[in-house]
Amino acid sequence: MRIIGGTLRGLRLNPPGNLPVRPTTDLAKEALFNILNNLIDLETIHVLDLFSGTGSISLEFASRGAIEVISVDKDFNCFKFLKQTAEKHQLQVIDARRDDVFKFLEQETGSYDIIFADPPYDHPKLPLIPEIVFSKNLLKSNGILILEHPAMKKADHPNFTEQRKYGNSSFSFYVNK
């Protein structure tokens, strides 16, 4: 696992082996950021990373100049690894939070340019994420929700725009119009 671009390009991340995660592959992450580079100026955005796990996506956004990255994961060891990695590389824009994502979303009132959600693929509430994000108005105008999920599943919502498949994983994109 490595940082693909930005100031920390090439940095290898070595999270502890006992973390309960399924990290986004480098290939899928590189494809995702190629798409985002064509859609939005990554140096002007506020990001919410849900189910942040190792923090690979959060670190990528920070490396590429995001203004703010709030990273939420309930696992203490994931939270600790991301917090320590952000501190080690002086990424003050990362605000790691240890919390249940759905409890966090119930209370959240901020708005973001990008919300990235990578829940466990078997999470029973996975299809509810777009509904919650849009009902709570958590995206700015033209903001993008990206939901990573199994390639064979679809997470339908009126704001759905496209799905990109990478092996067994997919990214579904939803835009706040």
N, C-alpha and C. Protein backbone atom coordinates (compact mmCIF):
# COMPACT_ATOMS: atom_id res chain seq x y z
N MET A 1 0.86 -1.16 0.00
CA MET A 1 0.00 0.00 0.00
C MET A 1 0.91 1.23 0.00
N ARG A 2 0.60 2.17 -0.92
CA ARG A 2 1.46 3.35 -1.04
C ARG A 2 0.63 4.58 -1.38
N ILE A 3 1.24 5.74 -1.19
CA ILE A 3 0.63 7.00 -1.61
C ILE A 3 0.99 7.18 -3.08
N ILE A 4 -0.02 7.44 -3.91
CA ILE A 4 0.13 7.47 -5.36
C ILE A 4 0.65 8.83 -5.86
N GLY A 5 0.18 9.93 -5.25
CA GLY A 5 0.54 11.24 -5.78
C GLY A 5 0.69 12.29 -4.69
N GLY A 6 1.10 13.48 -5.10
CA GLY A 6 1.22 14.60 -4.17
C GLY A 6 2.56 14.64 -3.46
N THR A 7 2.59 15.35 -2.36
CA THR A 7 3.85 15.58 -1.64
C THR A 7 4.43 14.31 -1.04
N LEU A 8 3.61 13.33 -0.75
CA LEU A 8 4.09 12.07 -0.16
C LEU A 8 4.13 10.93 -1.19
N ARG A 9 4.11 11.29 -2.46
CA ARG A 9 4.11 10.28 -3.52
C ARG A 9 5.20 9.23 -3.30
N GLY A 10 4.78 7.96 -3.39
CA GLY A 10 5.72 6.85 -3.25
C GLY A 10 5.88 6.34 -1.82
N LEU A 11 5.34 7.06 -0.84
CA LEU A 11 5.45 6.63 0.55
C LEU A 11 4.74 5.29 0.73
N ARG A 12 5.44 4.33 1.27
CA ARG A 12 4.86 3.01 1.57
C ARG A 12 4.25 3.05 2.96
N LEU A 13 3.02 2.58 3.05
CA LEU A 13 2.32 2.48 4.33
C LEU A 13 2.40 1.05 4.81
N ASN A 14 2.78 0.86 6.06
CA ASN A 14 2.90 -0.48 6.63
C ASN A 14 2.04 -0.59 7.89
N PRO A 15 0.73 -0.70 7.71
CA PRO A 15 -0.14 -0.81 8.88
C PRO A 15 0.06 -2.16 9.58
N PRO A 16 -0.26 -2.22 10.87
CA PRO A 16 -0.16 -3.49 11.58
C PRO A 16 -1.05 -4.53 10.90
N GLY A 17 -0.63 -5.77 10.96
CA GLY A 17 -1.36 -6.84 10.29
C GLY A 17 -2.68 -7.22 10.95
N ASN A 18 -2.92 -6.74 12.16
CA ASN A 18 -4.13 -7.14 12.88
C ASN A 18 -5.31 -6.19 12.68
N LEU A 19 -5.22 -5.25 11.76
CA LEU A 19 -6.32 -4.32 11.55
C LEU A 19 -7.45 -5.01 10.77
N PRO A 20 -8.69 -4.76 11.17
CA PRO A 20 -9.83 -5.39 10.50
C PRO A 20 -10.24 -4.62 9.24
N VAL A 21 -9.38 -4.66 8.22
CA VAL A 21 -9.60 -3.83 7.04
C VAL A 21 -9.44 -4.63 5.75
N ARG A 22 -9.97 -4.05 4.69
CA ARG A 22 -9.79 -4.52 3.32
C ARG A 22 -9.41 -3.26 2.54
N PRO A 23 -8.13 -2.90 2.53
CA PRO A 23 -7.74 -1.62 1.92
C PRO A 23 -8.05 -1.57 0.42
N THR A 24 -8.40 -0.38 -0.04
CA THR A 24 -8.57 -0.14 -1.47
C THR A 24 -7.25 -0.43 -2.15
N THR A 25 -7.27 -1.21 -3.22
CA THR A 25 -6.03 -1.55 -3.90
C THR A 25 -5.38 -0.31 -4.50
N ASP A 26 -4.06 -0.36 -4.67
CA ASP A 26 -3.35 0.76 -5.28
C ASP A 26 -3.87 1.04 -6.69
N LEU A 27 -4.19 -0.02 -7.44
CA LEU A 27 -4.72 0.14 -8.80
C LEU A 27 -6.04 0.89 -8.79
N ALA A 28 -6.96 0.47 -7.91
CA ALA A 28 -8.27 1.14 -7.82
C ALA A 28 -8.11 2.57 -7.31
N LYS A 29 -7.22 2.76 -6.33
CA LYS A 29 -7.01 4.11 -5.79
C LYS A 29 -6.44 5.04 -6.85
N GLU A 30 -5.50 4.55 -7.63
CA GLU A 30 -4.92 5.37 -8.70
C GLU A 30 -5.99 5.73 -9.73
N ALA A 31 -6.83 4.78 -10.09
CA ALA A 31 -7.91 5.05 -11.04
C ALA A 31 -8.89 6.08 -10.47
N LEU A 32 -9.23 5.93 -9.20
CA LEU A 32 -10.15 6.87 -8.54
C LEU A 32 -9.58 8.29 -8.58
N PHE A 33 -8.32 8.45 -8.22
CA PHE A 33 -7.76 9.79 -8.19
C PHE A 33 -7.53 10.37 -9.58
N ASN A 34 -7.35 9.53 -10.58
CA ASN A 34 -7.32 10.03 -11.96
C ASN A 34 -8.68 10.60 -12.35
N ILE A 35 -9.75 9.93 -11.95
CA ILE A 35 -11.10 10.43 -12.22
C ILE A 35 -11.32 11.75 -11.49
N LEU A 36 -10.97 11.79 -10.20
CA LEU A 36 -11.20 12.99 -9.40
C LEU A 36 -10.38 14.18 -9.89
N ASN A 37 -9.17 13.94 -10.35
CA ASN A 37 -8.34 15.03 -10.88
C ASN A 37 -9.00 15.73 -12.06
N ASN A 38 -9.82 14.99 -12.80
CA ASN A 38 -10.52 15.58 -13.95
C ASN A 38 -11.83 16.25 -13.57
N LEU A 39 -12.29 16.05 -12.34
CA LEU A 39 -13.57 16.58 -11.91
C LEU A 39 -13.47 17.77 -10.96
N ILE A 40 -12.40 17.82 -10.17
CA ILE A 40 -12.36 18.78 -9.07
C ILE A 40 -10.91 19.15 -8.76
N ASP A 41 -10.71 20.36 -8.26
CA ASP A 41 -9.37 20.80 -7.83
C ASP A 41 -9.16 20.26 -6.42
N LEU A 42 -8.31 19.27 -6.28
CA LEU A 42 -8.12 18.60 -5.00
C LEU A 42 -7.48 19.49 -3.94
N GLU A 43 -6.93 20.63 -4.35
CA GLU A 43 -6.30 21.53 -3.39
C GLU A 43 -7.27 22.54 -2.78
N THR A 44 -8.54 22.42 -3.12
CA THR A 44 -9.53 23.38 -2.59
C THR A 44 -10.67 22.68 -1.86
N ILE A 45 -10.49 21.42 -1.50
CA ILE A 45 -11.64 20.65 -1.03
C ILE A 45 -11.59 20.27 0.45
N HIS A 46 -12.78 20.02 0.97
CA HIS A 46 -13.00 19.47 2.30
C HIS A 46 -13.54 18.07 2.10
N VAL A 47 -12.91 17.09 2.76
CA VAL A 47 -13.19 15.67 2.53
C VAL A 47 -13.65 15.01 3.82
N LEU A 48 -14.62 14.11 3.69
CA LEU A 48 -15.04 13.24 4.78
C LEU A 48 -14.79 11.82 4.33
N ASP A 49 -13.94 11.10 5.06
CA ASP A 49 -13.59 9.71 4.75
C ASP A 49 -14.24 8.82 5.81
N LEU A 50 -15.27 8.08 5.38
CA LEU A 50 -16.02 7.21 6.29
C LEU A 50 -15.51 5.78 6.20
N PHE A 51 -15.42 5.12 7.35
CA PHE A 51 -14.82 3.78 7.44
C PHE A 51 -13.38 3.88 6.93
N SER A 52 -12.63 4.81 7.49
CA SER A 52 -11.31 5.15 6.95
C SER A 52 -10.27 4.05 7.08
N GLY A 53 -10.44 3.10 7.96
CA GLY A 53 -9.50 1.98 8.06
C GLY A 53 -8.07 2.44 8.25
N THR A 54 -7.17 2.01 7.38
CA THR A 54 -5.75 2.37 7.48
C THR A 54 -5.51 3.86 7.21
N GLY A 55 -6.49 4.51 6.61
CA GLY A 55 -6.34 5.93 6.28
C GLY A 55 -5.70 6.17 4.94
N SER A 56 -5.56 5.14 4.14
CA SER A 56 -4.91 5.27 2.84
C SER A 56 -5.55 6.35 1.97
N ILE A 57 -6.87 6.39 1.94
CA ILE A 57 -7.57 7.40 1.12
C ILE A 57 -7.40 8.79 1.75
N SER A 58 -7.53 8.89 3.06
CA SER A 58 -7.33 10.17 3.75
C SER A 58 -5.93 10.71 3.50
N LEU A 59 -4.95 9.85 3.63
CA LEU A 59 -3.56 10.26 3.41
C LEU A 59 -3.32 10.69 1.97
N GLU A 60 -3.98 10.02 1.04
CA GLU A 60 -3.86 10.39 -0.38
C GLU A 60 -4.43 11.78 -0.62
N PHE A 61 -5.62 12.06 -0.06
CA PHE A 61 -6.21 13.39 -0.21
C PHE A 61 -5.31 14.46 0.43
N ALA A 62 -4.78 14.17 1.61
CA ALA A 62 -3.90 15.13 2.29
C ALA A 62 -2.63 15.36 1.49
N SER A 63 -2.06 14.30 0.96
CA SER A 63 -0.85 14.41 0.15
C SER A 63 -1.07 15.28 -1.08
N ARG A 64 -2.30 15.26 -1.59
CA ARG A 64 -2.63 16.01 -2.81
C ARG A 64 -3.15 17.41 -2.50
N GLY A 65 -3.09 17.83 -1.25
CA GLY A 65 -3.36 19.22 -0.92
C GLY A 65 -4.75 19.57 -0.43
N ALA A 66 -5.57 18.58 -0.05
CA ALA A 66 -6.90 18.89 0.47
C ALA A 66 -6.78 19.84 1.67
N ILE A 67 -7.76 20.71 1.82
CA ILE A 67 -7.77 21.69 2.90
C ILE A 67 -8.04 21.01 4.24
N GLU A 68 -8.96 20.04 4.22
CA GLU A 68 -9.38 19.35 5.44
C GLU A 68 -9.81 17.94 5.08
N VAL A 69 -9.40 16.98 5.92
CA VAL A 69 -9.83 15.60 5.75
C VAL A 69 -10.25 15.07 7.12
N ILE A 70 -11.54 14.83 7.27
CA ILE A 70 -12.05 14.22 8.50
C ILE A 70 -12.19 12.73 8.23
N SER A 71 -11.54 11.92 9.06
CA SER A 71 -11.49 10.48 8.87
C SER A 71 -12.17 9.80 10.05
N VAL A 72 -13.16 8.96 9.76
CA VAL A 72 -13.95 8.34 10.82
C VAL A 72 -13.86 6.82 10.72
N ASP A 73 -13.49 6.20 11.84
CA ASP A 73 -13.48 4.74 11.93
C ASP A 73 -13.66 4.38 13.39
N LYS A 74 -14.41 3.31 13.66
CA LYS A 74 -14.67 2.94 15.06
C LYS A 74 -13.57 2.07 15.68
N ASP A 75 -12.73 1.46 14.85
CA ASP A 75 -11.68 0.59 15.38
C ASP A 75 -10.55 1.43 15.96
N PHE A 76 -10.22 1.18 17.22
CA PHE A 76 -9.19 1.97 17.89
C PHE A 76 -7.84 1.85 17.20
N ASN A 77 -7.46 0.66 16.77
CA ASN A 77 -6.14 0.48 16.16
C ASN A 77 -6.04 1.17 14.79
N CYS A 78 -7.14 1.19 14.04
CA CYS A 78 -7.14 1.94 12.77
C CYS A 78 -6.99 3.43 13.05
N PHE A 79 -7.79 3.92 13.99
CA PHE A 79 -7.74 5.32 14.39
C PHE A 79 -6.31 5.70 14.82
N LYS A 80 -5.71 4.86 15.67
CA LYS A 80 -4.37 5.12 16.20
C LYS A 80 -3.33 5.13 15.08
N PHE A 81 -3.41 4.16 14.15
CA PHE A 81 -2.44 4.10 13.05
C PHE A 81 -2.52 5.36 12.19
N LEU A 82 -3.74 5.78 11.82
CA LEU A 82 -3.89 6.97 10.98
C LEU A 82 -3.41 8.21 11.72
N LYS A 83 -3.79 8.36 12.97
CA LYS A 83 -3.38 9.53 13.75
C LYS A 83 -1.85 9.61 13.84
N GLN A 84 -1.20 8.49 14.13
CA GLN A 84 0.26 8.47 14.23
C GLN A 84 0.92 8.74 12.88
N THR A 85 0.37 8.18 11.81
CA THR A 85 0.94 8.40 10.48
C THR A 85 0.80 9.86 10.07
N ALA A 86 -0.37 10.45 10.32
CA ALA A 86 -0.58 11.86 9.99
C ALA A 86 0.37 12.75 10.78
N GLU A 87 0.57 12.45 12.06
CA GLU A 87 1.49 13.24 12.88
C GLU A 87 2.93 13.09 12.39
N LYS A 88 3.33 11.86 12.08
CA LYS A 88 4.70 11.59 11.62
C LYS A 88 5.03 12.37 10.36
N HIS A 89 4.05 12.52 9.47
CA HIS A 89 4.29 13.20 8.20
C HIS A 89 3.74 14.63 8.19
N GLN A 90 3.43 15.14 9.38
CA GLN A 90 3.00 16.52 9.58
C GLN A 90 1.82 16.90 8.69
N LEU A 91 0.82 16.03 8.68
CA LEU A 91 -0.40 16.27 7.90
C LEU A 91 -1.49 16.78 8.84
N GLN A 92 -1.38 18.07 9.20
CA GLN A 92 -2.32 18.67 10.14
C GLN A 92 -3.74 18.74 9.58
N VAL A 93 -3.91 18.59 8.28
CA VAL A 93 -5.25 18.67 7.69
C VAL A 93 -6.09 17.44 8.01
N ILE A 94 -5.45 16.36 8.47
CA ILE A 94 -6.20 15.15 8.81
C ILE A 94 -6.68 15.22 10.25
N ASP A 95 -7.99 15.06 10.42
CA ASP A 95 -8.64 15.03 11.72
C ASP A 95 -9.22 13.63 11.88
N ALA A 96 -8.45 12.73 12.51
CA ALA A 96 -8.90 11.35 12.71
C ALA A 96 -9.84 11.30 13.90
N ARG A 97 -10.97 10.63 13.70
CA ARG A 97 -11.96 10.52 14.77
C ARG A 97 -12.36 9.05 14.96
N ARG A 98 -12.38 8.66 16.21
CA ARG A 98 -12.81 7.30 16.53
C ARG A 98 -14.29 7.37 16.88
N ASP A 99 -15.11 6.81 15.99
CA ASP A 99 -16.56 6.90 16.17
C ASP A 99 -17.24 5.88 15.26
N ASP A 100 -18.43 5.49 15.63
CA ASP A 100 -19.27 4.70 14.75
C ASP A 100 -19.74 5.62 13.63
N VAL A 101 -19.56 5.21 12.39
CA VAL A 101 -19.88 6.07 11.25
C VAL A 101 -21.33 6.51 11.25
N PHE A 102 -22.25 5.61 11.54
CA PHE A 102 -23.67 5.98 11.48
C PHE A 102 -24.07 6.91 12.62
N LYS A 103 -23.47 6.76 13.79
CA LYS A 103 -23.70 7.72 14.88
C LYS A 103 -23.10 9.08 14.51
N PHE A 104 -21.91 9.06 13.91
CA PHE A 104 -21.28 10.30 13.47
C PHE A 104 -22.18 11.02 12.46
N LEU A 105 -22.69 10.27 11.48
CA LEU A 105 -23.54 10.88 10.45
C LEU A 105 -24.83 11.46 11.03
N GLU A 106 -25.39 10.82 12.06
CA GLU A 106 -26.60 11.34 12.71
C GLU A 106 -26.38 12.74 13.26
N GLN A 107 -25.16 12.98 13.77
CA GLN A 107 -24.87 14.25 14.45
C GLN A 107 -24.18 15.28 13.56
N GLU A 108 -23.64 14.84 12.43
CA GLU A 108 -22.84 15.74 11.59
C GLU A 108 -23.69 16.82 10.93
N THR A 109 -23.16 18.05 10.94
CA THR A 109 -23.87 19.17 10.32
C THR A 109 -23.01 19.88 9.28
N GLY A 110 -21.75 19.45 9.12
CA GLY A 110 -20.86 20.09 8.15
C GLY A 110 -21.24 19.70 6.73
N SER A 111 -20.59 20.34 5.76
CA SER A 111 -20.79 19.96 4.36
C SER A 111 -19.43 19.82 3.70
N TYR A 112 -19.37 18.91 2.76
CA TYR A 112 -18.10 18.49 2.18
C TYR A 112 -18.16 18.51 0.66
N ASP A 113 -16.98 18.66 0.06
CA ASP A 113 -16.87 18.58 -1.40
C ASP A 113 -16.85 17.12 -1.84
N ILE A 114 -16.20 16.28 -1.04
CA ILE A 114 -16.14 14.85 -1.34
C ILE A 114 -16.38 14.06 -0.05
N ILE A 115 -17.24 13.07 -0.15
CA ILE A 115 -17.41 12.09 0.91
C ILE A 115 -17.06 10.74 0.30
N PHE A 116 -16.08 10.08 0.91
CA PHE A 116 -15.68 8.75 0.45
C PHE A 116 -16.08 7.76 1.54
N ALA A 117 -16.81 6.71 1.16
CA ALA A 117 -17.25 5.70 2.12
C ALA A 117 -16.85 4.32 1.63
N ASP A 118 -16.12 3.60 2.47
CA ASP A 118 -15.67 2.25 2.14
C ASP A 118 -16.03 1.32 3.29
N PRO A 119 -17.35 1.05 3.46
CA PRO A 119 -17.78 0.19 4.56
C PRO A 119 -17.41 -1.26 4.31
N PRO A 120 -17.43 -2.07 5.38
CA PRO A 120 -17.27 -3.51 5.15
C PRO A 120 -18.32 -3.96 4.12
N TYR A 121 -17.90 -4.79 3.20
CA TYR A 121 -18.80 -5.18 2.10
C TYR A 121 -20.06 -5.88 2.59
N ASP A 122 -20.01 -6.50 3.77
CA ASP A 122 -21.19 -7.20 4.28
C ASP A 122 -21.99 -6.34 5.26
N HIS A 123 -21.66 -5.06 5.36
CA HIS A 123 -22.36 -4.19 6.31
C HIS A 123 -23.82 -4.06 5.89
N PRO A 124 -24.76 -4.36 6.80
CA PRO A 124 -26.18 -4.33 6.44
C PRO A 124 -26.70 -2.93 6.07
N LYS A 125 -26.04 -1.88 6.52
CA LYS A 125 -26.50 -0.52 6.23
C LYS A 125 -25.81 0.11 5.03
N LEU A 126 -24.98 -0.66 4.32
CA LEU A 126 -24.25 -0.13 3.16
C LEU A 126 -25.18 0.61 2.18
N PRO A 127 -26.34 0.05 1.80
CA PRO A 127 -27.20 0.76 0.84
C PRO A 127 -27.82 2.05 1.39
N LEU A 128 -27.78 2.25 2.70
CA LEU A 128 -28.39 3.45 3.29
C LEU A 128 -27.49 4.68 3.25
N ILE A 129 -26.20 4.47 2.97
CA ILE A 129 -25.26 5.59 3.04
C ILE A 129 -25.64 6.74 2.12
N PRO A 130 -25.93 6.50 0.82
CA PRO A 130 -26.35 7.64 -0.02
C PRO A 130 -27.59 8.35 0.52
N GLU A 131 -28.55 7.57 0.99
CA GLU A 131 -29.79 8.16 1.52
C GLU A 131 -29.49 9.08 2.70
N ILE A 132 -28.64 8.64 3.61
CA ILE A 132 -28.30 9.45 4.79
C ILE A 132 -27.54 10.71 4.38
N VAL A 133 -26.54 10.56 3.53
CA VAL A 133 -25.72 11.70 3.10
C VAL A 133 -26.58 12.78 2.46
N PHE A 134 -27.50 12.37 1.57
CA PHE A 134 -28.32 13.37 0.87
C PHE A 134 -29.45 13.91 1.74
N SER A 135 -30.03 13.10 2.59
CA SER A 135 -31.11 13.60 3.45
C SER A 135 -30.57 14.59 4.49
N LYS A 136 -29.31 14.41 4.91
CA LYS A 136 -28.69 15.32 5.88
C LYS A 136 -27.99 16.49 5.20
N ASN A 137 -28.01 16.52 3.85
CA ASN A 137 -27.40 17.62 3.09
C ASN A 137 -25.92 17.81 3.46
N LEU A 138 -25.17 16.70 3.47
CA LEU A 138 -23.77 16.74 3.87
C LEU A 138 -22.81 17.07 2.73
N LEU A 139 -23.33 17.15 1.51
CA LEU A 139 -22.48 17.51 0.37
C LEU A 139 -22.76 18.94 -0.06
N LYS A 140 -21.69 19.65 -0.40
CA LYS A 140 -21.84 20.99 -0.98
C LYS A 140 -22.44 20.86 -2.37
N SER A 141 -22.86 21.95 -2.96
CA SER A 141 -23.37 21.95 -4.32
C SER A 141 -22.29 21.37 -5.24
N ASN A 142 -22.66 20.43 -6.08
CA ASN A 142 -21.77 19.69 -6.97
C ASN A 142 -20.78 18.79 -6.23
N GLY A 143 -21.02 18.59 -4.94
CA GLY A 143 -20.19 17.67 -4.16
C GLY A 143 -20.42 16.23 -4.62
N ILE A 144 -19.44 15.38 -4.32
CA ILE A 144 -19.46 14.00 -4.80
C ILE A 144 -19.38 13.03 -3.63
N LEU A 145 -20.30 12.08 -3.61
CA LEU A 145 -20.22 10.94 -2.72
C LEU A 145 -19.67 9.78 -3.53
N ILE A 146 -18.64 9.12 -2.99
CA ILE A 146 -18.07 7.94 -3.64
C ILE A 146 -18.23 6.79 -2.67
N LEU A 147 -18.94 5.76 -3.10
CA LEU A 147 -19.19 4.60 -2.27
C LEU A 147 -18.46 3.41 -2.87
N GLU A 148 -17.53 2.82 -2.10
CA GLU A 148 -16.85 1.61 -2.56
C GLU A 148 -17.65 0.41 -2.05
N HIS A 149 -17.90 -0.53 -2.96
CA HIS A 149 -18.74 -1.68 -2.60
C HIS A 149 -18.42 -2.85 -3.52
N PRO A 150 -18.96 -4.04 -3.23
CA PRO A 150 -18.70 -5.18 -4.11
C PRO A 150 -19.21 -4.90 -5.52
N ALA A 151 -18.47 -5.37 -6.51
CA ALA A 151 -18.81 -5.09 -7.92
C ALA A 151 -20.20 -5.60 -8.29
N MET A 152 -20.67 -6.67 -7.65
CA MET A 152 -21.96 -7.24 -8.05
C MET A 152 -23.15 -6.53 -7.40
N LYS A 153 -22.89 -5.61 -6.46
CA LYS A 153 -23.98 -4.88 -5.82
C LYS A 153 -24.15 -3.51 -6.46
N LYS A 154 -25.37 -2.99 -6.33
CA LYS A 154 -25.65 -1.62 -6.75
C LYS A 154 -26.27 -0.90 -5.58
N ALA A 155 -25.92 0.35 -5.42
CA ALA A 155 -26.50 1.17 -4.37
C ALA A 155 -27.25 2.30 -5.07
N ASP A 156 -28.50 2.03 -5.43
CA ASP A 156 -29.29 2.99 -6.20
C ASP A 156 -29.73 4.18 -5.36
N HIS A 157 -29.79 5.31 -6.02
CA HIS A 157 -30.25 6.55 -5.40
C HIS A 157 -30.46 7.54 -6.55
N PRO A 158 -31.39 8.49 -6.42
CA PRO A 158 -31.62 9.46 -7.51
C PRO A 158 -30.39 10.27 -7.91
N ASN A 159 -29.43 10.44 -7.02
CA ASN A 159 -28.23 11.22 -7.32
C ASN A 159 -27.09 10.38 -7.90
N PHE A 160 -27.35 9.09 -8.14
CA PHE A 160 -26.35 8.21 -8.73
C PHE A 160 -26.01 8.68 -10.14
N THR A 161 -24.71 8.71 -10.46
CA THR A 161 -24.30 9.13 -11.81
C THR A 161 -23.58 8.03 -12.57
N GLU A 162 -22.70 7.27 -11.90
CA GLU A 162 -21.99 6.21 -12.61
C GLU A 162 -21.35 5.24 -11.63
N GLN A 163 -21.00 4.06 -12.16
CA GLN A 163 -20.30 3.03 -11.40
C GLN A 163 -19.08 2.61 -12.19
N ARG A 164 -17.94 2.52 -11.50
CA ARG A 164 -16.70 2.06 -12.13
C ARG A 164 -16.26 0.79 -11.40
N LYS A 165 -15.97 -0.26 -12.17
CA LYS A 165 -15.57 -1.54 -11.59
C LYS A 165 -14.07 -1.76 -11.73
N TYR A 166 -13.48 -2.26 -10.64
CA TYR A 166 -12.06 -2.61 -10.59
C TYR A 166 -11.94 -3.95 -9.89
N GLY A 167 -11.87 -5.02 -10.66
CA GLY A 167 -11.83 -6.36 -10.07
C GLY A 167 -13.12 -6.66 -9.34
N ASN A 168 -13.03 -7.04 -8.08
CA ASN A 168 -14.21 -7.37 -7.29
C ASN A 168 -14.84 -6.16 -6.61
N SER A 169 -14.25 -4.99 -6.81
CA SER A 169 -14.74 -3.77 -6.18
C SER A 169 -15.28 -2.79 -7.20
N SER A 170 -16.18 -1.94 -6.74
CA SER A 170 -16.73 -0.87 -7.57
C SER A 170 -16.74 0.43 -6.78
N PHE A 171 -16.66 1.53 -7.52
CA PHE A 171 -16.91 2.85 -6.97
C PHE A 171 -18.20 3.34 -7.60
N SER A 172 -19.18 3.68 -6.77
CA SER A 172 -20.39 4.33 -7.27
C SER A 172 -20.28 5.81 -6.92
N PHE A 173 -20.61 6.66 -7.91
CA PHE A 173 -20.52 8.11 -7.75
C PHE A 173 -21.92 8.70 -7.70
N TYR A 174 -22.11 9.62 -6.76
CA TYR A 174 -23.37 10.34 -6.57
C TYR A 174 -23.02 11.82 -6.49
N VAL A 175 -23.77 12.65 -7.21
CA VAL A 175 -23.45 14.08 -7.24
C VAL A 175 -24.63 14.89 -6.69
N ASN A 176 -24.31 15.87 -5.88
CA ASN A 176 -25.31 16.79 -5.32
C ASN A 176 -25.53 17.91 -6.33
N LYS A 177 -26.60 17.81 -7.10
CA LYS A 177 -26.88 18.81 -8.14
C LYS A 177 -27.77 19.91 -7.66
